[in-house]
Protein backbone atom coordinates (compact mmCIF):
# COMPACT_ATOMS: atom_id res chain seq x y z
CA MET A 1 13.05 37.13 -50.41
CA MET A 2 11.63 33.66 -51.05
CA MET A 3 14.24 32.07 -48.77
CA LYS A 4 13.49 34.59 -46.01
CA LYS A 5 9.77 33.80 -46.17
CA LEU A 6 10.48 30.08 -45.93
CA ILE A 7 12.76 30.56 -42.93
CA ILE A 8 10.11 32.64 -41.15
CA LEU A 9 7.49 29.96 -41.81
CA VAL A 10 9.81 27.25 -40.53
CA LEU A 11 10.52 29.20 -37.35
CA LEU A 12 6.83 29.88 -36.75
CA ASN A 13 5.92 26.22 -37.26
CA ALA A 14 8.72 25.11 -34.97
CA ALA A 15 7.56 27.58 -32.32
CA LEU A 16 3.94 26.41 -32.49
CA VAL A 17 4.92 22.75 -32.17
CA SER A 18 7.36 23.42 -29.33
CA CYS A 19 4.89 25.57 -27.39
CA LYS A 20 2.40 22.73 -27.31
CA LYS A 21 5.01 20.55 -25.62
CA ASP A 22 7.04 22.89 -23.45
CA SER A 23 7.48 26.56 -24.31
CA THR A 24 10.49 26.82 -22.00
CA LYS A 25 12.53 24.52 -24.26
CA LEU A 26 12.08 26.35 -27.54
CA VAL A 27 15.24 26.10 -29.66
CA PRO A 28 15.07 28.24 -32.83
CA TYR A 29 16.14 26.60 -36.06
CA ASP A 30 19.22 28.26 -37.58
CA PRO A 31 19.41 27.42 -41.31
CA SER A 32 22.98 28.76 -41.49
CA ALA A 33 24.33 26.44 -38.80
CA PRO A 34 26.47 23.47 -39.90
CA VAL A 35 24.59 20.17 -39.86
CA PHE A 36 26.22 16.77 -39.40
CA ALA A 37 25.12 14.40 -42.14
CA ILE A 38 26.32 11.42 -44.11
CA TYR A 39 23.65 11.97 -46.75
CA PRO A 40 22.86 15.71 -46.47
CA ALA A 41 19.68 17.40 -47.67
CA PRO A 42 18.22 20.87 -47.09
CA PHE A 43 15.95 21.38 -44.07
CA LYS A 44 13.22 21.92 -46.65
CA GLY A 45 13.47 20.62 -50.21
CA TYR A 46 15.68 18.03 -51.87
CA VAL A 47 19.07 17.77 -53.56
CA GLY A 48 19.13 17.40 -57.33
CA ASP A 49 22.20 17.29 -59.59
CA VAL A 50 25.39 18.19 -57.69
CA MET A 51 28.10 20.40 -59.16
CA PRO A 52 31.15 20.10 -56.87
CA PHE A 53 34.00 22.60 -56.79
CA TYR A 54 36.97 22.70 -54.40
CA ASP A 55 38.62 25.98 -53.44
CA ASN A 56 40.65 27.23 -50.46
CA ASN A 57 40.24 24.08 -48.34
CA THR A 58 36.48 24.01 -48.84
CA PHE A 59 34.15 21.93 -50.97
CA HIS A 60 31.52 24.13 -52.60
CA LEU A 61 28.74 21.71 -53.50
CA PHE A 62 26.34 23.52 -55.80
CA PHE A 63 23.12 21.64 -56.49
CA LEU A 64 19.73 21.95 -58.12
CA MET A 65 17.24 22.74 -55.35
CA ASP A 66 14.08 20.71 -55.82
CA TRP A 67 11.25 22.34 -53.85
CA ARG A 68 8.49 19.99 -55.08
CA ASP A 69 5.98 22.79 -54.73
CA ASN A 70 4.47 22.54 -58.23
CA ALA A 71 5.60 26.10 -58.92
CA PRO A 72 6.07 27.10 -62.59
CA GLN A 73 9.79 27.74 -62.02
CA TYR A 74 12.18 25.22 -60.53
CA HIS A 75 15.73 24.11 -59.79
CA PRO A 76 17.63 27.25 -58.80
CA TRP A 77 21.27 26.70 -57.87
CA TYR A 78 21.85 26.32 -54.12
CA LYS A 79 25.04 25.40 -52.30
CA PHE A 80 26.39 23.40 -49.39
CA THR A 81 29.89 24.02 -48.10
CA THR A 82 31.97 21.58 -46.09
CA THR A 83 35.59 21.20 -45.05
CA ASP A 84 35.35 17.63 -43.77
CA LEU A 85 32.54 15.98 -45.80
CA LEU A 86 30.59 15.43 -42.57
CA ASN A 87 29.46 18.88 -41.44
CA TYR A 88 27.55 20.84 -44.07
CA THR A 89 26.42 24.45 -44.19
CA ASN A 90 23.55 25.46 -46.47
CA LYS A 91 24.62 28.76 -48.05
CA GLY A 92 21.25 29.26 -49.75
CA GLN A 93 20.47 30.34 -53.28
CA MET A 94 23.36 31.09 -55.61
CA ILE A 95 21.75 31.54 -59.05
CA GLY A 96 18.03 32.18 -59.40
CA TYR A 97 15.38 32.09 -62.10
CA GLY A 98 14.98 34.38 -65.09
CA ARG A 99 11.80 35.85 -66.56
CA ALA A 100 9.23 33.95 -68.61
CA ASP A 101 10.68 35.43 -71.81
CA GLU A 102 14.27 34.48 -70.91
CA GLN A 103 16.16 31.26 -71.52
CA ASP A 104 16.68 30.54 -67.81
CA TYR A 105 13.03 30.64 -66.74
CA THR A 106 14.05 27.44 -64.98
CA LEU A 107 17.60 26.23 -64.36
CA GLY A 108 19.60 23.10 -65.01
CA THR A 109 22.97 21.56 -64.31
CA GLY A 110 26.39 22.97 -65.20
CA SER A 111 29.84 23.41 -63.69
CA VAL A 112 32.09 25.92 -61.94
CA ILE A 113 35.64 26.83 -62.95
CA LYS A 114 38.11 29.55 -61.97
CA GLN A 115 40.27 31.72 -64.22
CA GLY A 116 42.43 34.31 -62.52
CA ASN A 117 40.43 35.78 -59.66
CA VAL A 118 37.04 35.17 -61.24
CA TYR A 119 34.76 32.15 -60.84
CA TYR A 120 32.58 31.14 -63.78
CA GLY A 121 29.38 29.18 -63.30
CA TYR A 122 28.10 27.77 -66.58
CA TYR A 123 24.57 26.43 -66.36
CA THR A 124 21.59 25.20 -68.35
CA GLY A 125 18.72 27.54 -69.08
CA HIS A 126 15.52 25.56 -69.54
CA ASN A 127 12.34 27.31 -70.67
CA TYR A 128 9.49 24.90 -71.36
CA LEU A 129 7.40 27.86 -72.54
CA PHE A 130 9.58 27.86 -75.68
CA LEU A 131 8.51 24.32 -76.64
CA ASN A 132 7.20 24.21 -80.22
CA THR A 133 8.37 27.76 -80.90
CA ALA A 134 11.30 29.12 -82.89
CA ARG A 135 13.33 29.40 -79.68
CA PRO A 136 15.21 26.40 -78.22
CA GLN A 137 13.91 24.96 -74.99
CA GLU A 138 17.47 24.58 -73.63
CA GLY A 139 20.60 26.71 -73.92
CA ILE A 140 23.87 27.40 -72.13
CA LEU A 141 24.41 30.53 -70.01
CA TYR A 142 26.88 31.66 -67.38
CA ALA A 143 27.35 33.87 -64.34
CA THR A 144 30.46 35.18 -62.61
CA SER A 145 31.49 35.62 -58.99
CA ALA A 146 34.41 36.96 -57.00
CA ASP A 147 33.69 34.89 -53.90
CA LEU A 148 31.58 31.85 -54.96
CA ASN A 149 28.60 33.31 -53.07
CA THR A 150 27.35 36.34 -55.02
CA TRP A 151 26.76 35.67 -58.71
CA THR A 152 26.11 38.03 -61.62
CA LYS A 153 24.45 36.67 -64.74
CA LYS A 154 25.91 37.60 -68.12
CA THR A 155 22.56 38.09 -69.79
CA GLU A 156 24.01 38.87 -73.20
CA PHE A 157 25.57 35.39 -73.46
CA LEU A 158 23.74 32.35 -74.84
CA ILE A 159 24.79 29.21 -76.68
CA THR A 160 21.97 27.35 -78.42
CA PRO A 161 21.99 23.89 -80.05
CA PRO A 162 24.03 23.66 -83.27
CA ALA A 163 22.28 23.09 -86.58
CA GLY A 164 21.05 19.53 -86.89
CA TYR A 165 20.71 18.97 -83.14
CA ASP A 166 17.56 18.66 -81.03
CA PHE A 167 16.29 22.07 -79.88
CA ASN A 168 14.85 20.62 -76.68
CA ASN A 169 17.83 18.65 -75.33
CA PHE A 170 21.02 20.67 -74.94
CA ARG A 171 22.28 20.84 -71.38
CA ASP A 172 24.73 20.24 -68.53
CA PRO A 173 27.90 22.10 -69.66
CA ASN A 174 31.16 20.86 -68.15
CA ILE A 175 34.27 22.99 -68.59
CA PHE A 176 37.87 21.89 -68.12
CA PHE A 177 41.27 23.21 -69.18
CA ASN A 178 43.19 21.16 -71.74
CA ASP A 179 46.90 21.64 -71.01
CA ALA A 180 47.93 20.13 -74.33
CA THR A 181 46.02 22.67 -76.43
CA GLN A 182 46.04 25.50 -73.87
CA GLU A 183 42.29 25.84 -74.34
CA TYR A 184 39.16 25.58 -72.29
CA TRP A 185 36.88 22.82 -73.49
CA MET A 186 33.15 22.80 -72.81
CA VAL A 187 31.33 19.47 -73.16
CA VAL A 188 27.53 19.56 -73.47
CA GLY A 189 24.85 16.85 -73.58
CA ALA A 190 22.92 16.92 -76.86
CA ARG A 191 20.75 14.81 -79.17
CA LYS A 192 21.09 14.11 -82.87
CA ASN A 193 19.23 11.61 -85.05
CA ASN A 194 17.23 10.44 -82.00
CA ALA A 195 20.33 9.47 -80.02
CA GLY A 196 22.16 11.17 -77.19
CA GLU A 197 25.73 12.32 -77.60
CA LEU A 198 28.22 14.77 -76.14
CA VAL A 199 29.44 17.72 -78.20
CA TYR A 200 32.20 20.18 -77.37
CA TYR A 201 33.31 23.77 -77.80
CA THR A 202 36.67 25.47 -77.25
CA THR A 203 37.86 28.93 -76.25
CA LYS A 204 41.15 30.48 -75.17
CA ASP A 205 39.72 32.88 -72.61
CA LEU A 206 36.76 32.60 -70.26
CA ALA A 207 36.78 36.35 -69.65
CA SER A 208 35.98 37.00 -73.31
CA PRO A 209 34.33 33.74 -74.30
CA ASN A 210 34.21 33.07 -78.00
CA TRP A 211 33.24 29.44 -77.94
CA ALA A 212 33.91 27.60 -81.20
CA PHE A 213 31.84 24.49 -81.93
CA GLN A 214 34.13 21.51 -82.58
CA GLY A 215 31.61 18.72 -83.14
CA THR A 216 31.14 15.36 -81.45
CA PHE A 217 33.01 14.60 -78.23
CA TYR A 218 31.51 11.15 -77.57
CA ALA A 219 28.62 9.37 -79.30
CA PRO A 220 27.98 5.76 -78.19
CA ASN A 221 24.67 5.67 -80.10
CA LYS A 222 22.86 3.72 -77.36
CA TYR A 223 21.47 6.26 -74.90
CA ASP A 224 18.54 8.64 -75.23
CA MET A 225 20.61 11.28 -73.47
CA LEU A 226 24.00 11.54 -71.78
CA GLU A 227 23.54 13.85 -68.79
CA CYS A 228 25.89 15.65 -66.41
CA PRO A 229 29.24 14.96 -68.13
CA ASP A 230 32.38 15.37 -66.05
CA ILE A 231 35.85 15.20 -67.58
CA PHE A 232 39.12 15.12 -65.65
CA LYS A 233 42.71 13.94 -65.98
CA TRP A 234 44.28 11.64 -63.40
CA GLY A 235 47.84 10.53 -63.98
CA THR A 236 48.17 9.34 -67.57
CA TYR A 237 44.44 8.79 -68.05
CA TRP A 238 41.53 11.02 -68.94
CA TYR A 239 38.12 10.09 -67.56
CA LEU A 240 34.62 10.85 -68.78
CA VAL A 241 31.78 10.46 -66.28
CA PHE A 242 28.14 10.73 -67.38
CA SER A 243 24.66 9.48 -66.50
CA ASP A 244 22.24 7.82 -68.91
CA THR A 245 18.50 8.42 -68.98
CA ASN A 246 17.11 5.20 -70.44
CA LEU A 247 19.12 2.00 -69.87
CA GLU A 248 20.78 1.63 -66.46
CA ASN A 249 19.67 5.16 -65.51
CA ALA A 250 22.90 5.38 -63.55
CA THR A 251 26.36 6.98 -63.54
CA HIS A 252 28.94 5.53 -65.95
CA TYR A 253 32.55 6.26 -66.79
CA ARG A 254 34.93 5.90 -69.73
CA MET A 255 38.72 6.19 -69.88
CA SER A 256 41.26 7.29 -72.47
CA THR A 257 44.82 8.55 -72.82
CA SER A 258 43.53 11.67 -74.59
CA PRO A 259 40.49 13.94 -74.17
CA SER A 260 39.93 13.39 -77.88
CA GLY A 261 39.46 9.66 -77.32
CA PRO A 262 39.03 6.91 -78.22
CA TRP A 263 37.04 6.29 -75.05
CA ILE A 264 37.35 2.80 -73.56
CA THR A 265 34.43 1.20 -71.74
CA PRO A 266 35.73 -0.80 -68.73
CA ALA A 267 34.28 -4.21 -67.86
CA ASN A 268 32.25 -2.59 -65.08
CA ASP A 269 31.51 0.95 -66.17
CA LEU A 270 29.00 1.76 -63.39
CA LEU A 271 30.11 3.86 -60.42
CA ASP A 272 27.05 2.88 -58.36
CA SER A 273 23.47 1.77 -58.93
CA LYS A 274 20.51 3.71 -60.30
CA TYR A 275 19.94 4.96 -56.74
CA PHE A 276 22.99 7.23 -57.14
CA TYR A 277 22.47 9.55 -60.09
CA ALA A 278 24.05 12.47 -61.96
CA ALA A 279 27.37 12.10 -60.15
CA LYS A 280 30.27 14.47 -60.79
CA THR A 281 33.73 14.66 -59.22
CA ALA A 282 36.00 17.09 -57.41
CA SER A 283 39.52 16.76 -56.03
CA ASP A 284 41.03 18.41 -52.96
CA GLY A 285 44.52 17.88 -54.38
CA LYS A 286 44.97 14.61 -52.49
CA ASN A 287 41.85 12.58 -53.18
CA ARG A 288 39.08 12.63 -55.75
CA TYR A 289 35.47 12.36 -54.62
CA LEU A 290 32.26 11.49 -56.43
CA PHE A 291 29.09 13.44 -55.56
CA GLY A 292 25.61 12.35 -56.62
CA TRP A 293 22.11 12.08 -55.20
CA VAL A 294 20.03 9.22 -53.80
CA PRO A 295 16.40 9.62 -54.94
CA THR A 296 13.43 9.53 -52.64
CA LYS A 297 10.49 7.30 -53.61
CA SER A 298 6.97 8.43 -54.38
CA GLY A 299 4.80 8.50 -51.29
CA PHE A 300 7.95 7.97 -49.22
CA ALA A 301 7.13 4.27 -49.38
CA ASP A 302 9.22 1.22 -50.25
CA ASN A 303 6.89 0.30 -53.11
CA GLY A 304 7.06 3.81 -54.56
CA THR A 305 8.81 4.80 -57.78
CA LYS A 306 11.99 6.86 -57.95
CA ASP A 307 11.59 10.61 -57.65
CA PHE A 308 13.85 13.28 -59.05
CA ALA A 309 16.20 14.45 -56.27
CA GLY A 310 16.67 13.33 -52.69
CA ASN A 311 19.82 13.35 -50.54
CA MET A 312 23.38 14.11 -51.52
CA SER A 313 25.78 11.17 -51.31
CA SER A 314 29.53 10.99 -51.81
CA HIS A 315 32.11 8.27 -52.44
CA LEU A 316 35.89 8.16 -52.55
CA LEU A 317 37.35 7.38 -55.98
CA THR A 318 40.67 5.56 -56.35
CA GLN A 319 42.61 4.21 -59.32
CA ASN A 320 43.43 0.57 -59.83
CA THR A 321 46.78 -0.31 -61.41
CA ASP A 322 45.14 -0.75 -64.82
CA GLY A 323 43.59 2.72 -64.66
CA THR A 324 40.07 1.56 -63.88
CA LEU A 325 38.24 3.34 -61.09
CA ALA A 326 37.28 1.96 -57.68
CA VAL A 327 34.62 3.28 -55.30
CA SER A 328 34.82 3.17 -51.51
CA ALA A 329 33.44 4.82 -48.38
CA LEU A 330 34.82 8.13 -47.19
CA ALA A 331 37.45 7.79 -44.47
CA ALA A 332 35.76 10.58 -42.50
CA VAL A 333 32.48 8.65 -42.50
CA ILE A 334 34.07 5.39 -41.36
CA GLN A 335 35.99 7.17 -38.60
CA ALA A 336 32.78 8.79 -37.33
CA PHE A 337 31.38 5.38 -36.32
CA THR A 338 33.30 4.84 -33.09
CA LYS A 339 30.57 3.42 -30.85
CA ALA A 340 30.75 -0.38 -31.00
CA ASN A 341 27.39 -2.13 -30.62
CA ASN A 342 26.78 -5.55 -29.13
CA ILE A 343 25.45 -7.99 -31.72
CA THR A 344 22.86 -10.29 -30.18
CA THR A 345 21.07 -12.92 -32.23
CA SER A 346 17.31 -12.58 -31.86
CA THR A 347 16.39 -15.48 -34.14
CA LYS A 348 18.13 -17.81 -36.57
CA THR A 349 17.45 -20.87 -38.65
CA SER A 350 18.77 -24.22 -37.43
CA ASP A 351 21.47 -24.36 -40.11
CA VAL A 352 23.28 -21.30 -38.71
CA THR A 353 26.24 -21.96 -36.41
CA THR A 354 28.21 -19.29 -34.57
CA SER A 355 31.66 -18.86 -33.07
CA GLY A 356 32.24 -15.47 -31.51
CA SER A 357 31.65 -12.89 -34.27
CA ASP A 358 31.76 -15.54 -37.03
CA TYR A 359 28.60 -17.03 -38.56
CA ASN A 360 28.39 -20.11 -40.78
CA LEU A 361 25.24 -20.38 -42.91
CA THR A 362 24.63 -23.67 -44.70
CA SER A 363 21.42 -24.27 -46.60
CA ALA A 364 20.77 -27.02 -49.10
CA SER A 365 17.46 -25.80 -50.47
CA SER A 366 16.05 -22.85 -48.53
CA LEU A 367 16.81 -19.53 -46.88
CA SER A 368 19.33 -19.61 -44.06
CA TYR A 369 19.45 -16.48 -41.92
CA ALA A 370 20.23 -14.88 -38.57
CA LEU A 371 18.55 -11.72 -37.31
CA PHE A 372 19.97 -9.24 -34.83
CA GLY A 373 18.74 -6.10 -33.08
CA SER A 374 16.99 -3.12 -34.59
CA ILE A 375 18.70 -0.32 -36.46
CA ASN A 376 18.14 3.04 -34.83
CA GLY A 377 19.63 6.16 -36.38
CA SER A 378 23.00 6.15 -38.12
CA TYR A 379 24.61 2.75 -38.28
CA MET A 380 27.54 0.94 -39.87
CA ILE A 381 27.86 -2.82 -40.37
CA SER A 382 31.22 -4.35 -41.30
CA GLY A 383 32.74 -7.77 -41.76
CA THR A 384 34.18 -10.29 -44.18
CA VAL A 385 32.26 -12.81 -46.26
CA ASN A 386 33.47 -15.98 -47.96
CA PHE A 387 31.56 -18.74 -49.75
CA THR A 388 32.48 -22.29 -50.75
CA ALA A 389 29.47 -24.09 -52.20
CA ALA A 390 28.14 -21.36 -54.50
CA PRO A 391 24.86 -20.06 -53.04
CA GLN A 392 21.98 -18.73 -55.08
CA ASN A 393 22.34 -15.43 -53.25
CA PHE A 394 23.67 -14.14 -49.92
CA GLY A 395 24.28 -10.90 -48.06
CA ILE A 396 22.76 -8.52 -45.53
CA LEU A 397 19.11 -8.26 -44.47
CA LEU A 398 17.73 -4.80 -43.68
CA GLY A 399 14.30 -3.71 -42.44
CA SER A 400 13.36 -7.31 -41.72
CA ASN A 401 10.43 -8.87 -39.92
CA THR A 402 10.89 -11.91 -37.68
CA TYR A 403 10.71 -14.45 -40.50
CA ALA A 404 12.65 -12.47 -43.13
CA SER A 405 9.54 -12.62 -45.31
CA GLN A 406 9.24 -8.82 -45.39
CA THR A 407 12.76 -7.50 -45.84
CA TYR A 408 15.43 -6.04 -48.07
CA LYS A 409 18.29 -8.21 -49.28
CA LEU A 410 21.47 -6.28 -49.91
CA GLY A 411 23.88 -8.79 -51.36
CA PHE A 412 25.21 -10.89 -54.21
CA GLN A 413 23.50 -12.85 -56.94
CA ASN A 414 24.34 -13.92 -60.51
CA GLY A 415 27.51 -11.85 -60.77
CA ASN A 416 25.85 -8.72 -59.38
CA MET A 417 25.49 -6.78 -56.17
CA GLU A 418 21.76 -6.24 -55.74
CA SER A 419 19.18 -4.50 -53.60
CA ASP A 420 16.11 -6.75 -53.56
CA ARG A 421 12.81 -5.90 -51.88
CA VAL A 422 10.96 -8.94 -50.52
CA ALA A 423 7.26 -8.43 -49.82
CA SER A 424 4.38 -10.94 -49.62
CA GLY A 425 6.51 -13.68 -51.10
CA ASN A 426 7.58 -11.60 -54.10
CA THR A 427 11.11 -10.36 -54.76
CA THR A 428 11.78 -7.19 -56.75
CA THR A 429 15.31 -6.19 -57.73
CA GLU A 430 15.43 -2.41 -57.27
CA SER A 431 19.06 -1.78 -58.20
CA SER A 432 22.22 -3.66 -59.11
CA VAL A 433 25.84 -3.26 -60.20
CA PRO A 434 28.11 -5.94 -61.71
CA PHE A 435 30.53 -7.60 -59.28
CA ILE A 436 31.79 -11.16 -59.77
CA LEU A 437 32.91 -13.11 -56.69
CA THR A 438 35.35 -16.00 -56.50
CA ALA A 439 34.72 -19.00 -54.23
CA GLY A 440 37.11 -19.33 -51.31
CA LYS A 441 38.13 -15.67 -51.32
CA ASP A 442 37.49 -13.20 -48.48
CA TYR A 443 35.56 -10.03 -49.32
CA ASN A 444 35.49 -7.11 -46.91
CA PHE A 445 32.26 -5.14 -46.75
CA LYS A 446 30.73 -2.13 -45.04
CA VAL A 447 27.12 -0.96 -44.99
CA VAL A 448 26.72 2.73 -44.16
CA ILE A 449 23.22 3.69 -42.98
CA GLU A 450 21.55 7.00 -42.20
CA ASN A 451 17.77 7.35 -41.93
CA SER A 452 16.32 5.61 -45.02
CA ILE A 453 19.55 5.32 -47.05
CA ALA A 454 21.97 2.40 -47.06
CA THR A 455 25.14 2.00 -49.11
CA LEU A 456 26.99 -1.30 -49.43
CA TYR A 457 30.73 -1.07 -50.13
CA VAL A 458 32.79 -4.16 -51.01
CA ASN A 459 36.59 -4.53 -51.07
CA ASP A 460 37.02 -0.77 -51.54
CA GLN A 461 36.07 -1.39 -55.17
CA VAL A 462 32.34 -1.08 -55.67
CA ALA A 463 29.31 0.63 -54.12
CA LEU A 464 25.57 -0.06 -54.16
CA SER A 465 23.20 2.62 -52.86
CA THR A 466 19.54 2.11 -52.06
CA ARG A 467 16.55 3.77 -50.38
CA ILE A 468 14.67 1.73 -47.73
CA TYR A 469 11.88 3.43 -45.78
CA SER A 470 11.34 0.39 -43.54
CA LEU A 471 14.99 0.36 -42.51
CA GLN A 472 14.74 2.10 -39.14
CA ASN A 473 13.50 0.35 -35.97
CA GLN A 474 13.55 -3.01 -37.74
CA SER A 475 15.92 -5.95 -37.48
CA TRP A 476 19.00 -6.44 -39.61
CA GLY A 477 20.70 -9.71 -40.29
CA ILE A 478 22.62 -11.98 -42.67
CA PHE A 479 21.34 -14.59 -45.11
CA SER A 480 22.24 -17.25 -47.65
CA SER A 481 20.13 -19.29 -50.06
CA ASN A 482 21.11 -22.74 -51.30
CA GLY A 483 24.79 -22.72 -50.40
CA SER A 484 27.46 -22.33 -47.76
CA VAL A 485 28.61 -18.88 -46.60
CA VAL A 486 30.78 -17.69 -43.72
CA PHE A 487 30.48 -14.17 -42.30
CA LYS A 488 33.55 -13.37 -40.23
CA ASN A 489 34.35 -10.58 -37.77
CA LEU A 490 30.80 -9.25 -38.05
CA LYS A 491 30.50 -5.90 -36.26
CA SER A 492 28.14 -2.96 -36.00
CA PHE A 493 28.79 0.62 -34.97
CA GLY A 494 26.91 3.76 -34.08
CA LEU A 495 28.02 7.37 -33.91
CA LYS A 496 29.60 8.81 -30.79
């Protein structure tokens, strides 16, 4: 009923606006129609934690719907479906709220799994009304479905925090099947002794769940909370993906040859920056994809702070020969950018020389840059970069004014990929991921842009997502500080 009311309001508002302009051109909004998007979001509301599931040639992307309406209940499960990771259909609400006296007065993250012909959706029940009472604020519940669209809650089922664990932090169940033990394992985020850890339960049968608590799954003793765990096997390795709430505030991964550990921390354990959170994976049998969300900023302004929820974003995951994970752009997204744009230099510093689509930036002590046309709509920038004399930093300029004094720098500095906001002479690093470059080596890059979101991909290995509200209708460019850099085969593309 709530969704129907919202749709009616949207249609009425659209009609009123259209009638003022030209009533003969009224086009009703159809919320069930597929929408093309690189970073999808609902027509109204925002995407929170994503819970991907692949079935019958379709990605079912469950997510926490964030209405931002200050209502007492929040985060019901909604769902997008897509077959190509470019055209998304909003299927509406899947699992709704409970009563004020029930555990799932509000909802949280979980996971979907299939046994036989039944789908099981395990989720977090969060009831802040239980705070400082004898009842836990968070617990684990589940619902079942025969078609992934209509869900029935099993109201008699509830798992609460084990003895000795925090009553208020017990969430985000992830379930997988362990072939070695022929059991289902459920991993849950918990807190003990003021530190976050993951605990696990086992059962033989989801249809008659008798979950047995097995203890600690992973306890690094450094995070306040480990959220949204995701466990999967790929070849000979097991992988654990999780997000932390207090240090990098980003998505990490660990690897092991057994789901029982020990879990190895790779040299770069981040799968993106803090502007890509709560990511979980799904495989279509050929490739594995990572789904997270890019937060909006308060006030929808560049100087705002990160909000909860925003737009969905997805990356392709691949394995390196040593088992570590690499992140790259989706092939479908790259292939969608088929309209080549002309790159025309609007302004440049005197130390920039050009030869066709190659640009040489040499600066001994200051900022060297070249600016091009404005970004309008969806956009992709690609090229190769190489440096000789090590610069202080270099990369791509986005949302820039004529003098690059108000701009975003998406690039490389001090062994990191960074998103830096430059305003009134001050530089603020908004997000970063480790990535060490070697002098004299070519690095391929792509920047994928839609509306206020930009993602930098380098060498099909690493990704850096960011939110830039000044991105559209402003110049983009390239820059280098205190060094020598060559950008080669620089190109830009739009959609068809």
